[in-house]
Amino acid sequence: MTTSNADLPVLLITLGDPAGVGPEVTVKGVVEEAARSRVIPVIVGDVRVVSSAAGKWAQGFSVKKVESPRLAKVGPKVINVLDIANCAPGQFKIGEVAAYTGNAAYEYVVRAAELCLAGEADGIVTAPLNKKAMVMAGHEFDGHTGLLAHLCNVDTQYMILGSPKLRVIHLTTHLALVDALKLVKTDRIVKCTRAANDHAKQLGFEKPRIAVCGVNPHSGDGGLFGVEEAEEIAPAIEILRAEGIDAHGPVSPDSAYRIAYEGGYDIVVAMYHDQGHIPMKLAAFESGVNITHGLPIIRTSVDHGTAFDIAWQGTASHKNMLAAIDYAYLLVTGSGSS
């Protein structure tokens, strides 16, 4: 029995770099997700690569080319593929960083973004690409986030790491710590926390409870260890609360994440990369998902790399891919607060 595309949200799953673990985790993830019959997953990739991966990790499944995502159907033993015929299996070496596969991964993301922007799908889930390979192919982006921001023509986007019990948005990401601290400013904190509030509402939280972290030990301890909390963070929280946003803080990070994990906060605002990543990697290594907030489309991603050293060996875990699909489903349906 099949279900029509009119009944379920359509999620595009980009294949990632074909020389990495993307094909394995994607095929395994799509096979397991298909059994739930709650979304229509459509792989955006080269059908030849998908067929090769399916032969290894989805025996008994047929790989079906679809002309449009909205024409795909979810059914038993079927893997839907929007074929981007750009990566012949015999033309690349597994586990190797190369412009050929870097360009293929780039083109999968471009096509998926175009389709979502046109309303032909409800969200994108990305398997890992390799930044160096993409740059070798002539595409000068820092990864998925920068590429999607360019494709969607947006200037401001935020990295969110999400899991069933812990969610964190980052004020700054890939900067030296000394440079990140210079950006802990009231106006930036206000904008980032508004984004946190919007994201939590999209998940279904009616009035999100938001912890805004301090940046110094013990949130400055009354000025003993720094002034950013009093001069930049506290004024931002006053502005946010005046807007009706349930922002709390500055909260000492060593308390914020424990309270959030236990259900006291719905999302945490981290001031810099490791302040947000370390607790997420510890508490939700396999269930943590990378989300780009600020795009006009829904995008989630696995929170791991191409892992060329184990590519196509059958040892890659697809649990994080399932988590990324699940989080995209929650964003599409607004059912993440239940």
C-alpha atoms as a PDB file:
ATOM      1  CA  MET A   1       0.000   0.000   0.000  1.00  0.00           C
ATOM      2  CA  THR A   2       1.313   3.488  -0.854  1.00  0.00           C
ATOM      3  CA  THR A   3       0.431   6.891   0.527  1.00  0.00           C
ATOM      4  CA  SER A   4       0.070   9.911  -1.747  1.00  0.00           C
ATOM      5  CA  ASN A   5       2.237  12.968  -1.415  1.00  0.00           C
ATOM      6  CA  ALA A   6      -0.867  14.962  -0.475  1.00  0.00           C
ATOM      7  CA  ASP A   7      -0.965  13.226   2.904  1.00  0.00           C
ATOM      8  CA  LEU A   8       2.606  13.518   4.165  1.00  0.00           C
ATOM      9  CA  PRO A   9       5.369  16.155   4.244  1.00  0.00           C
ATOM     10  CA  VAL A  10       8.143  15.723   1.690  1.00  0.00           C
ATOM     11  CA  LEU A  11      11.731  15.863   2.941  1.00  0.00           C
ATOM     12  CA  LEU A  12      14.685  16.046   0.573  1.00  0.00           C
ATOM     13  CA  ILE A  13      17.762  14.136   1.766  1.00  0.00           C
ATOM     14  CA  THR A  14      20.937  15.329   0.057  1.00  0.00           C
ATOM     15  CA  LEU A  15      23.405  12.490  -0.471  1.00  0.00           C
ATOM     16  CA  GLY A  16      26.497  14.360   0.704  1.00  0.00           C
ATOM     17  CA  ASP A  17      29.957  13.555  -0.661  1.00  0.00           C
ATOM     18  CA  PRO A  18      29.643  10.198  -2.473  1.00  0.00           C
ATOM     19  CA  ALA A  19      33.174   9.230  -1.389  1.00  0.00           C
ATOM     20  CA  GLY A  20      32.243   9.506   2.287  1.00  0.00           C
ATOM     21  CA  VAL A  21      29.681   7.929   4.609  1.00  0.00           C
ATOM     22  CA  GLY A  22      26.815   9.981   3.173  1.00  0.00           C
ATOM     23  CA  PRO A  23      25.439   7.252   0.868  1.00  0.00           C
ATOM     24  CA  GLU A  24      25.535   4.653   3.656  1.00  0.00           C
ATOM     25  CA  VAL A  25      23.875   6.699   6.388  1.00  0.00           C
ATOM     26  CA  THR A  26      21.358   8.154   3.930  1.00  0.00           C
ATOM     27  CA  VAL A  27      20.185   4.820   2.566  1.00  0.00           C
ATOM     28  CA  LYS A  28      20.067   3.224   6.010  1.00  0.00           C
ATOM     29  CA  GLY A  29      18.212   6.231   7.405  1.00  0.00           C
ATOM     30  CA  VAL A  30      15.674   6.386   4.587  1.00  0.00           C
ATOM     31  CA  VAL A  31      14.961   2.656   4.871  1.00  0.00           C
ATOM     32  CA  GLU A  32      14.259   2.913   8.595  1.00  0.00           C
ATOM     33  CA  GLU A  33      12.298   6.167   8.288  1.00  0.00           C
ATOM     34  CA  ALA A  34      10.116   4.728   5.505  1.00  0.00           C
ATOM     35  CA  ALA A  35       8.767   2.149   7.941  1.00  0.00           C
ATOM     36  CA  ARG A  36       7.283   4.956  10.056  1.00  0.00           C
ATOM     37  CA  SER A  37       5.178   6.246   7.129  1.00  0.00           C
ATOM     38  CA  ARG A  38       5.073   9.819   8.450  1.00  0.00           C
ATOM     39  CA  VAL A  39       7.143  11.630   5.781  1.00  0.00           C
ATOM     40  CA  ILE A  40       8.063  11.051   2.155  1.00  0.00           C
ATOM     41  CA  PRO A  41      11.873  10.989   2.006  1.00  0.00           C
ATOM     42  CA  VAL A  42      13.373  11.753  -1.401  1.00  0.00           C
ATOM     43  CA  ILE A  43      17.118  11.388  -1.862  1.00  0.00           C
ATOM     44  CA  VAL A  44      18.738  14.084  -3.997  1.00  0.00           C
ATOM     45  CA  GLY A  45      21.791  12.436  -5.537  1.00  0.00           C
ATOM     46  CA  ASP A  46      23.110  10.284  -8.322  1.00  0.00           C
ATOM     47  CA  VAL A  47      20.815   7.278  -8.708  1.00  0.00           C
ATOM     48  CA  ARG A  48      23.800   5.076  -9.612  1.00  0.00           C
ATOM     49  CA  VAL A  49      25.499   5.827  -6.290  1.00  0.00           C
ATOM     50  CA  VAL A  50      22.244   5.341  -4.387  1.00  0.00           C
ATOM     51  CA  SER A  51      21.655   2.006  -6.159  1.00  0.00           C
ATOM     52  CA  SER A  52      25.138   0.852  -5.235  1.00  0.00           C
ATOM     53  CA  ALA A  53      24.580   1.781  -1.584  1.00  0.00           C
ATOM     54  CA  ALA A  54      21.131   0.184  -1.588  1.00  0.00           C
ATOM     55  CA  GLY A  55      22.642  -3.049  -2.906  1.00  0.00           C
ATOM     56  CA  LYS A  56      24.798  -3.156   0.225  1.00  0.00           C
ATOM     57  CA  TRP A  57      22.484  -1.829   2.931  1.00  0.00           C
ATOM     58  CA  ALA A  58      18.929  -2.004   1.603  1.00  0.00           C
ATOM     59  CA  GLN A  59      18.618  -5.399   0.012  1.00  0.00           C
ATOM     60  CA  GLY A  60      15.110  -6.076  -1.206  1.00  0.00           C
ATOM     61  CA  PHE A  61      14.426  -2.365  -1.782  1.00  0.00           C
ATOM     62  CA  SER A  62      13.943  -0.913  -5.241  1.00  0.00           C
ATOM     63  CA  VAL A  63      15.452   2.447  -6.167  1.00  0.00           C
ATOM     64  CA  LYS A  64      12.913   4.560  -8.026  1.00  0.00           C
ATOM     65  CA  LYS A  65      13.687   7.745  -9.948  1.00  0.00           C
ATOM     66  CA  VAL A  66      11.118  10.520  -9.505  1.00  0.00           C
ATOM     67  CA  GLU A  67      10.719  13.553 -11.724  1.00  0.00           C
ATOM     68  CA  SER A  68       9.392  15.777  -8.923  1.00  0.00           C
ATOM     69  CA  PRO A  69       9.405  15.389  -5.121  1.00  0.00           C
ATOM     70  CA  ARG A  70       5.651  15.953  -4.924  1.00  0.00           C
ATOM     71  CA  LEU A  71       5.104  12.979  -7.232  1.00  0.00           C
ATOM     72  CA  ALA A  72       6.951  10.607  -4.912  1.00  0.00           C
ATOM     73  CA  LYS A  73       5.072   8.114  -2.782  1.00  0.00           C
ATOM     74  CA  VAL A  74       6.052   6.312   0.379  1.00  0.00           C
ATOM     75  CA  GLY A  75       5.596   2.603   0.220  1.00  0.00           C
ATOM     76  CA  PRO A  76       7.137  -0.709   1.202  1.00  0.00           C
ATOM     77  CA  LYS A  77      10.601  -1.449  -0.153  1.00  0.00           C
ATOM     78  CA  VAL A  78      10.928   1.758  -2.212  1.00  0.00           C
ATOM     79  CA  ILE A  79      13.715   4.364  -2.139  1.00  0.00           C
ATOM     80  CA  ASN A  80      12.791   7.539  -4.028  1.00  0.00           C
ATOM     81  CA  VAL A  81      15.619   9.400  -5.782  1.00  0.00           C
ATOM     82  CA  LEU A  82      15.665  12.695  -7.621  1.00  0.00           C
ATOM     83  CA  ASP A  83      18.491  11.832  -9.984  1.00  0.00           C
ATOM     84  CA  ILE A  84      21.327  14.355 -10.381  1.00  0.00           C
ATOM     85  CA  ALA A  85      23.431  12.308 -12.779  1.00  0.00           C
ATOM     86  CA  ASN A  86      26.777  13.839 -11.908  1.00  0.00           C
ATOM     87  CA  CYS A  87      28.864  11.187 -10.162  1.00  0.00           C
ATOM     88  CA  ALA A  88      29.537   7.893 -11.909  1.00  0.00           C
ATOM     89  CA  PRO A  89      30.686   5.290  -9.360  1.00  0.00           C
ATOM     90  CA  GLY A  90      33.710   4.336 -11.459  1.00  0.00           C
ATOM     91  CA  GLN A  91      34.936   7.925 -11.631  1.00  0.00           C
ATOM     92  CA  PHE A  92      35.797   8.497  -7.970  1.00  0.00           C
ATOM     93  CA  LYS A  93      37.806   6.774  -5.274  1.00  0.00           C
ATOM     94  CA  ILE A  94      36.100   5.946  -1.999  1.00  0.00           C
ATOM     95  CA  GLY A  95      37.618   7.785   0.958  1.00  0.00           C
ATOM     96  CA  GLU A  96      39.408  10.371  -1.175  1.00  0.00           C
ATOM     97  CA  VAL A  97      38.991  14.157  -1.016  1.00  0.00           C
ATOM     98  CA  ALA A  98      38.390  15.198  -4.616  1.00  0.00           C
ATOM     99  CA  ALA A  99      36.891  18.039  -6.626  1.00  0.00           C
ATOM    100  CA  TYR A 100      34.718  15.568  -8.555  1.00  0.00           C
ATOM    101  CA  THR A 101      32.752  14.399  -5.540  1.00  0.00           C
ATOM    102  CA  GLY A 102      32.939  17.831  -3.899  1.00  0.00           C
ATOM    103  CA  ASN A 103      31.146  19.289  -6.887  1.00  0.00           C
ATOM    104  CA  ALA A 104      28.567  16.503  -6.840  1.00  0.00           C
ATOM    105  CA  ALA A 105      27.736  17.192  -3.192  1.00  0.00           C
ATOM    106  CA  TYR A 106      27.490  20.915  -3.940  1.00  0.00           C
ATOM    107  CA  GLU A 107      25.040  20.317  -6.779  1.00  0.00           C
ATOM    108  CA  TYR A 108      22.803  18.160  -4.584  1.00  0.00           C
ATOM    109  CA  VAL A 109      22.434  20.990  -2.072  1.00  0.00           C
ATOM    110  CA  VAL A 110      21.800  23.568  -4.808  1.00  0.00           C
ATOM    111  CA  ARG A 111      19.044  21.484  -6.362  1.00  0.00           C
ATOM    112  CA  ALA A 112      17.418  20.705  -3.020  1.00  0.00           C
ATOM    113  CA  ALA A 113      17.413  24.384  -2.043  1.00  0.00           C
ATOM    114  CA  GLU A 114      15.885  25.381  -5.381  1.00  0.00           C
ATOM    115  CA  LEU A 115      13.093  22.867  -4.934  1.00  0.00           C
ATOM    116  CA  CYS A 116      12.318  23.929  -1.370  1.00  0.00           C
ATOM    117  CA  LEU A 117      12.311  27.607  -2.298  1.00  0.00           C
ATOM    118  CA  ALA A 118       9.855  26.753  -5.091  1.00  0.00           C
ATOM    119  CA  GLY A 119       7.573  24.953  -2.642  1.00  0.00           C
ATOM    120  CA  GLU A 120       8.256  21.535  -4.145  1.00  0.00           C
ATOM    121  CA  ALA A 121       9.326  20.081  -0.781  1.00  0.00           C
ATOM    122  CA  ASP A 122       8.840  20.884   2.892  1.00  0.00           C
ATOM    123  CA  GLY A 123      12.415  20.674   4.157  1.00  0.00           C
ATOM    124  CA  ILE A 124      15.991  19.562   3.553  1.00  0.00           C
ATOM    125  CA  VAL A 125      18.069  17.083   5.525  1.00  0.00           C
ATOM    126  CA  THR A 126      21.740  17.141   4.558  1.00  0.00           C
ATOM    127  CA  ALA A 127      24.238  14.313   4.684  1.00  0.00           C
ATOM    128  CA  PRO A 128      27.844  15.474   5.188  1.00  0.00           C
ATOM    129  CA  LEU A 129      29.861  17.164   2.488  1.00  0.00           C
ATOM    130  CA  ASN A 130      33.581  17.896   2.636  1.00  0.00           C
ATOM    131  CA  LYS A 131      34.433  21.603   2.704  1.00  0.00           C
ATOM    132  CA  LYS A 132      37.881  21.103   1.163  1.00  0.00           C
ATOM    133  CA  ALA A 133      36.485  19.008  -1.682  1.00  0.00           C
ATOM    134  CA  MET A 134      33.817  21.617  -2.386  1.00  0.00           C
ATOM    135  CA  VAL A 135      36.400  24.404  -2.462  1.00  0.00           C
ATOM    136  CA  MET A 136      38.633  22.282  -4.720  1.00  0.00           C
ATOM    137  CA  ALA A 137      35.673  22.223  -7.114  1.00  0.00           C
ATOM    138  CA  GLY A 138      35.619  26.014  -7.150  1.00  0.00           C
ATOM    139  CA  HIS A 139      32.804  26.639  -4.671  1.00  0.00           C
ATOM    140  CA  GLU A 140      34.197  28.967  -2.010  1.00  0.00           C
ATOM    141  CA  PHE A 141      31.857  28.340   0.921  1.00  0.00           C
ATOM    142  CA  ASP A 142      32.540  27.393   4.533  1.00  0.00           C
ATOM    143  CA  GLY A 143      30.124  24.483   4.315  1.00  0.00           C
ATOM    144  CA  HIS A 144      26.389  23.930   4.158  1.00  0.00           C
ATOM    145  CA  THR A 145      25.517  26.985   6.245  1.00  0.00           C
ATOM    146  CA  GLY A 146      27.294  29.538   4.078  1.00  0.00           C
ATOM    147  CA  LEU A 147      26.172  27.855   0.876  1.00  0.00           C
ATOM    148  CA  LEU A 148      22.520  27.776   1.896  1.00  0.00           C
ATOM    149  CA  ALA A 149      22.637  31.374   3.108  1.00  0.00           C
ATOM    150  CA  HIS A 150      23.949  32.339  -0.336  1.00  0.00           C
ATOM    151  CA  LEU A 151      21.328  30.272  -2.165  1.00  0.00           C
ATOM    152  CA  CYS A 152      18.539  31.718  -0.018  1.00  0.00           C
ATOM    153  CA  ASN A 153      19.937  35.270  -0.199  1.00  0.00           C
ATOM    154  CA  VAL A 154      20.050  35.853   3.554  1.00  0.00           C
ATOM    155  CA  ASP A 155      22.713  37.654   5.579  1.00  0.00           C
ATOM    156  CA  THR A 156      21.942  36.461   9.100  1.00  0.00           C
ATOM    157  CA  GLN A 157      21.542  32.862  10.138  1.00  0.00           C
ATOM    158  CA  TYR A 158      22.200  30.988  13.360  1.00  0.00           C
ATOM    159  CA  MET A 159      23.535  27.562  14.162  1.00  0.00           C
ATOM    160  CA  ILE A 160      21.244  25.579  16.435  1.00  0.00           C
ATOM    161  CA  LEU A 161      22.051  22.178  17.856  1.00  0.00           C
ATOM    162  CA  GLY A 162      18.868  20.354  18.763  1.00  0.00           C
ATOM    163  CA  SER A 163      17.987  17.096  20.472  1.00  0.00           C
ATOM    164  CA  PRO A 164      14.940  15.698  22.268  1.00  0.00           C
ATOM    165  CA  LYS A 165      16.063  17.041  25.669  1.00  0.00           C
ATOM    166  CA  LEU A 166      18.440  19.907  24.910  1.00  0.00           C
ATOM    167  CA  ARG A 167      18.518  22.715  22.347  1.00  0.00           C
ATOM    168  CA  VAL A 168      21.127  25.479  22.010  1.00  0.00           C
ATOM    169  CA  ILE A 169      21.540  28.441  19.661  1.00  0.00           C
ATOM    170  CA  HIS A 170      24.948  30.066  19.169  1.00  0.00           C
ATOM    171  CA  LEU A 171      25.592  33.793  19.252  1.00  0.00           C
ATOM    172  CA  THR A 172      28.945  33.163  17.544  1.00  0.00           C
ATOM    173  CA  THR A 173      30.385  30.028  15.957  1.00  0.00           C
ATOM    174  CA  HIS A 174      33.615  29.608  14.023  1.00  0.00           C
ATOM    175  CA  LEU A 175      35.732  32.391  15.489  1.00  0.00           C
ATOM    176  CA  ALA A 176      38.791  32.543  17.698  1.00  0.00           C
ATOM    177  CA  LEU A 177      37.599  32.989  21.277  1.00  0.00           C
ATOM    178  CA  VAL A 178      39.219  36.410  21.566  1.00  0.00           C
ATOM    179  CA  ASP A 179      37.226  37.558  18.525  1.00  0.00           C
ATOM    180  CA  ALA A 180      33.989  35.927  19.663  1.00  0.00           C
ATOM    181  CA  LEU A 181      34.084  37.831  22.943  1.00  0.00           C
ATOM    182  CA  LYS A 182      34.152  41.115  21.036  1.00  0.00           C
ATOM    183  CA  LEU A 183      30.743  40.223  19.560  1.00  0.00           C
ATOM    184  CA  VAL A 184      28.986  39.692  22.891  1.00  0.00           C
ATOM    185  CA  LYS A 185      26.928  42.855  22.441  1.00  0.00           C
ATOM    186  CA  THR A 186      23.417  43.760  23.507  1.00  0.00           C
ATOM    187  CA  ASP A 187      21.931  44.174  20.027  1.00  0.00           C
ATOM    188  CA  ARG A 188      23.361  40.871  18.809  1.00  0.00           C
ATOM    189  CA  ILE A 189      22.134  39.028  21.913  1.00  0.00           C
ATOM    190  CA  VAL A 190      18.636  40.446  21.436  1.00  0.00           C
ATOM    191  CA  LYS A 191      18.517  39.280  17.799  1.00  0.00           C
ATOM    192  CA  CYS A 192      19.896  35.833  18.624  1.00  0.00           C
ATOM    193  CA  THR A 193      17.450  35.297  21.480  1.00  0.00           C
ATOM    194  CA  ARG A 194      14.537  36.367  19.290  1.00  0.00           C
ATOM    195  CA  ALA A 195      15.686  33.693  16.848  1.00  0.00           C
ATOM    196  CA  ALA A 196      15.779  31.173  19.712  1.00  0.00           C
ATOM    197  CA  ASN A 197      12.233  32.127  20.621  1.00  0.00           C
ATOM    198  CA  ASP A 198      11.071  31.774  17.006  1.00  0.00           C
ATOM    199  CA  HIS A 199      12.726  28.373  16.655  1.00  0.00           C
ATOM    200  CA  ALA A 200      11.186  27.005  19.840  1.00  0.00           C
ATOM    201  CA  LYS A 201       7.761  28.276  18.766  1.00  0.00           C
ATOM    202  CA  GLN A 202       8.213  26.566  15.402  1.00  0.00           C
ATOM    203  CA  LEU A 203       8.746  23.339  17.328  1.00  0.00           C
ATOM    204  CA  GLY A 204       5.450  23.916  19.120  1.00  0.00           C
ATOM    205  CA  PHE A 205       6.446  25.577  22.403  1.00  0.00           C
ATOM    206  CA  GLU A 206       3.757  28.182  23.064  1.00  0.00           C
ATOM    207  CA  LYS A 207       5.858  30.431  25.345  1.00  0.00           C
ATOM    208  CA  PRO A 208       9.443  29.216  25.217  1.00  0.00           C
ATOM    209  CA  ARG A 209      11.572  29.467  28.351  1.00  0.00           C
ATOM    210  CA  ILE A 210      14.995  30.684  27.273  1.00  0.00           C
ATOM    211  CA  ALA A 211      18.248  30.630  29.235  1.00  0.00           C
ATOM    212  CA  VAL A 212      20.722  33.299  28.111  1.00  0.00           C
ATOM    213  CA  CYS A 213      24.179  32.242  29.227  1.00  0.00           C
ATOM    214  CA  GLY A 214      26.808  34.434  30.769  1.00  0.00           C
ATOM    215  CA  VAL A 215      30.236  34.455  29.203  1.00  0.00           C
ATOM    216  CA  ASN A 216      32.540  34.620  32.233  1.00  0.00           C
ATOM    217  CA  PRO A 217      32.945  32.135  35.109  1.00  0.00           C
ATOM    218  CA  HIS A 218      29.852  32.233  37.342  1.00  0.00           C
ATOM    219  CA  SER A 219      28.394  34.844  34.941  1.00  0.00           C
ATOM    220  CA  GLY A 220      30.962  37.371  36.159  1.00  0.00           C
ATOM    221  CA  ASP A 221      30.085  36.886  39.847  1.00  0.00           C
ATOM    222  CA  GLY A 222      28.914  40.460  40.277  1.00  0.00           C
ATOM    223  CA  GLY A 223      31.750  41.953  38.253  1.00  0.00           C
ATOM    224  CA  LEU A 224      34.599  40.048  39.893  1.00  0.00           C
ATOM    225  CA  PHE A 225      35.401  38.093  36.726  1.00  0.00           C
ATOM    226  CA  GLY A 226      34.201  40.377  33.951  1.00  0.00           C
ATOM    227  CA  VAL A 227      31.714  43.047  32.979  1.00  0.00           C
ATOM    228  CA  GLU A 228      29.994  41.610  29.896  1.00  0.00           C
ATOM    229  CA  GLU A 229      27.101  40.226  31.916  1.00  0.00           C
ATOM    230  CA  ALA A 230      26.240  43.591  33.476  1.00  0.00           C
ATOM    231  CA  GLU A 231      27.056  45.780  30.496  1.00  0.00           C
ATOM    232  CA  GLU A 232      25.804  43.707  27.554  1.00  0.00           C
ATOM    233  CA  ILE A 233      23.814  40.594  28.504  1.00  0.00           C
ATOM    234  CA  ALA A 234      21.562  41.901  31.298  1.00  0.00           C
ATOM    235  CA  PRO A 235      20.407  44.914  29.222  1.00  0.00           C
ATOM    236  CA  ALA A 236      19.537  42.530  26.374  1.00  0.00           C
ATOM    237  CA  ILE A 237      17.396  40.426  28.689  1.00  0.00           C
ATOM    238  CA  GLU A 238      15.538  43.530  29.868  1.00  0.00           C
ATOM    239  CA  ILE A 239      14.722  44.412  26.258  1.00  0.00           C
ATOM    240  CA  LEU A 240      13.591  40.871  25.514  1.00  0.00           C
ATOM    241  CA  ARG A 241      11.358  40.592  28.563  1.00  0.00           C
ATOM    242  CA  ALA A 242       9.773  43.929  27.697  1.00  0.00           C
ATOM    243  CA  GLU A 243       8.875  42.349  24.340  1.00  0.00           C
ATOM    244  CA  GLY A 244       7.168  39.470  26.112  1.00  0.00           C
ATOM    245  CA  ILE A 245       9.936  36.936  25.519  1.00  0.00           C
ATOM    246  CA  ASP A 246      10.544  34.676  28.524  1.00  0.00           C
ATOM    247  CA  ALA A 247      14.323  35.177  28.661  1.00  0.00           C
ATOM    248  CA  HIS A 248      16.276  34.385  31.831  1.00  0.00           C
ATOM    249  CA  GLY A 249      19.807  35.313  32.822  1.00  0.00           C
ATOM    250  CA  PRO A 250      22.585  35.873  32.571  1.00  0.00           C
ATOM    251  CA  VAL A 251      22.590  32.228  33.643  1.00  0.00           C
ATOM    252  CA  SER A 252      25.868  30.582  34.536  1.00  0.00           C
ATOM    253  CA  PRO A 253      26.447  27.965  31.806  1.00  0.00           C
ATOM    254  CA  ASP A 254      27.329  25.229  34.286  1.00  0.00           C
ATOM    255  CA  SER A 255      23.770  25.560  35.596  1.00  0.00           C
ATOM    256  CA  ALA A 256      21.925  26.485  32.391  1.00  0.00           C
ATOM    257  CA  TYR A 257      22.472  23.197  30.586  1.00  0.00           C
ATOM    258  CA  ARG A 258      21.647  20.995  33.573  1.00  0.00           C
ATOM    259  CA  ILE A 259      18.401  22.898  34.151  1.00  0.00           C
ATOM    260  CA  ALA A 260      17.537  22.781  30.443  1.00  0.00           C
ATOM    261  CA  TYR A 261      18.288  19.058  30.208  1.00  0.00           C
ATOM    262  CA  GLU A 262      15.948  18.469  33.141  1.00  0.00           C
ATOM    263  CA  GLY A 263      13.183  20.439  31.415  1.00  0.00           C
ATOM    264  CA  GLY A 264      13.533  23.851  33.068  1.00  0.00           C
ATOM    265  CA  TYR A 265      14.408  25.709  29.855  1.00  0.00           C
ATOM    266  CA  ASP A 266      13.288  24.992  26.297  1.00  0.00           C
ATOM    267  CA  ILE A 267      16.375  26.432  24.598  1.00  0.00           C
ATOM    268  CA  VAL A 268      19.732  27.888  25.657  1.00  0.00           C
ATOM    269  CA  VAL A 269      21.565  30.855  24.110  1.00  0.00           C
ATOM    270  CA  ALA A 270      25.323  30.161  24.058  1.00  0.00           C
ATOM    271  CA  MET A 271      27.783  33.005  23.682  1.00  0.00           C
ATOM    272  CA  TYR A 272      30.430  31.078  21.737  1.00  0.00           C
ATOM    273  CA  HIS A 273      31.039  27.812  19.884  1.00  0.00           C
ATOM    274  CA  ASP A 274      32.367  25.469  22.563  1.00  0.00           C
ATOM    275  CA  GLN A 275      30.013  26.795  25.233  1.00  0.00           C
ATOM    276  CA  GLY A 276      27.206  25.268  23.214  1.00  0.00           C
ATOM    277  CA  HIS A 277      28.910  22.344  21.514  1.00  0.00           C
ATOM    278  CA  ILE A 278      30.532  20.656  24.494  1.00  0.00           C
ATOM    279  CA  PRO A 279      27.339  20.024  26.489  1.00  0.00           C
ATOM    280  CA  MET A 280      25.472  18.964  23.348  1.00  0.00           C
ATOM    281  CA  LYS A 281      28.192  16.510  22.309  1.00  0.00           C
ATOM    282  CA  LEU A 282      28.217  15.083  25.822  1.00  0.00           C
ATOM    283  CA  ALA A 283      24.470  14.827  26.353  1.00  0.00           C
ATOM    284  CA  ALA A 284      23.270  14.099  22.812  1.00  0.00           C
ATOM    285  CA  PHE A 285      26.120  12.823  20.667  1.00  0.00           C
ATOM    286  CA  GLU A 286      23.953  10.598  18.452  1.00  0.00           C
ATOM    287  CA  SER A 287      20.648  12.460  18.788  1.00  0.00           C
ATOM    288  CA  GLY A 288      22.070  15.984  18.328  1.00  0.00           C
ATOM    289  CA  VAL A 289      21.150  17.669  15.045  1.00  0.00           C
ATOM    290  CA  ASN A 290      22.559  20.756  13.316  1.00  0.00           C
ATOM    291  CA  ILE A 291      19.871  23.247  12.256  1.00  0.00           C
ATOM    292  CA  THR A 292      20.315  26.461  10.295  1.00  0.00           C
ATOM    293  CA  HIS A 293      17.843  29.059  11.575  1.00  0.00           C
ATOM    294  CA  GLY A 294      17.163  32.211   9.592  1.00  0.00           C
ATOM    295  CA  LEU A 295      16.653  30.596   6.196  1.00  0.00           C
ATOM    296  CA  PRO A 296      13.266  30.782   4.451  1.00  0.00           C
ATOM    297  CA  ILE A 297      13.355  26.975   4.299  1.00  0.00           C
ATOM    298  CA  ILE A 298      13.716  24.206   6.884  1.00  0.00           C
ATOM    299  CA  ARG A 299      17.156  22.628   6.973  1.00  0.00           C
ATOM    300  CA  THR A 300      18.553  20.077   9.394  1.00  0.00           C
ATOM    301  CA  SER A 301      21.753  18.092   9.134  1.00  0.00           C
ATOM    302  CA  VAL A 302      23.665  15.243  10.655  1.00  0.00           C
ATOM    303  CA  ASP A 303      26.173  16.566  13.151  1.00  0.00           C
ATOM    304  CA  HIS A 304      29.167  14.624  11.845  1.00  0.00           C
ATOM    305  CA  GLY A 305      31.547  14.746   8.926  1.00  0.00           C
ATOM    306  CA  THR A 306      32.239  12.642   5.848  1.00  0.00           C
ATOM    307  CA  ALA A 307      34.358  10.113   7.808  1.00  0.00           C
ATOM    308  CA  PHE A 308      36.371   9.085   4.753  1.00  0.00           C
ATOM    309  CA  ASP A 309      38.310   6.574   6.863  1.00  0.00           C
ATOM    310  CA  ILE A 310      35.240   4.334   7.266  1.00  0.00           C
ATOM    311  CA  ALA A 311      33.408   5.173   4.035  1.00  0.00           C
ATOM    312  CA  TRP A 312      31.476   2.335   2.357  1.00  0.00           C
ATOM    313  CA  GLN A 313      32.593  -0.203   4.958  1.00  0.00           C
ATOM    314  CA  GLY A 314      29.175  -0.826   6.509  1.00  0.00           C
ATOM    315  CA  THR A 315      30.239   0.445   9.934  1.00  0.00           C
ATOM    316  CA  ALA A 316      28.807   3.989   9.841  1.00  0.00           C
ATOM    317  CA  SER A 317      25.923   4.635  12.246  1.00  0.00           C
ATOM    318  CA  HIS A 318      22.796   6.153  10.741  1.00  0.00           C
ATOM    319  CA  LYS A 319      21.314   7.142  14.113  1.00  0.00           C
ATOM    320  CA  ASN A 320      22.257  10.785  13.605  1.00  0.00           C
ATOM    321  CA  MET A 321      20.651  10.793  10.158  1.00  0.00           C
ATOM    322  CA  LEU A 322      17.448   9.459  11.721  1.00  0.00           C
ATOM    323  CA  ALA A 323      17.657  12.199  14.349  1.00  0.00           C
ATOM    324  CA  ALA A 324      18.056  14.837  11.612  1.00  0.00           C
ATOM    325  CA  ILE A 325      15.027  13.496   9.737  1.00  0.00           C
ATOM    326  CA  ASP A 326      13.051  13.398  12.964  1.00  0.00           C
ATOM    327  CA  TYR A 327      13.926  17.008  13.845  1.00  0.00           C
ATOM    328  CA  ALA A 328      12.958  18.195  10.364  1.00  0.00           C
ATOM    329  CA  TYR A 329       9.630  16.419  10.807  1.00  0.00           C
ATOM    330  CA  LEU A 330       9.098  18.188  14.156  1.00  0.00           C
ATOM    331  CA  LEU A 331       9.818  21.577  12.563  1.00  0.00           C
ATOM    332  CA  VAL A 332       7.492  20.917   9.630  1.00  0.00           C
ATOM    333  CA  THR A 333       4.650  19.732  11.847  1.00  0.00           C
ATOM    334  CA  GLY A 334       5.262  21.882  14.958  1.00  0.00           C
ATOM    335  CA  SER A 335       5.089  18.809  17.163  1.00  0.00           C
ATOM    336  CA  GLY A 336       8.401  19.157  18.985  1.00  0.00           C
ATOM    337  CA  SER A 337       7.027  20.284  22.336  1.00  0.00           C
ATOM    338  CA  SER A 338       5.084  17.112  22.995  1.00  0.00           C
END
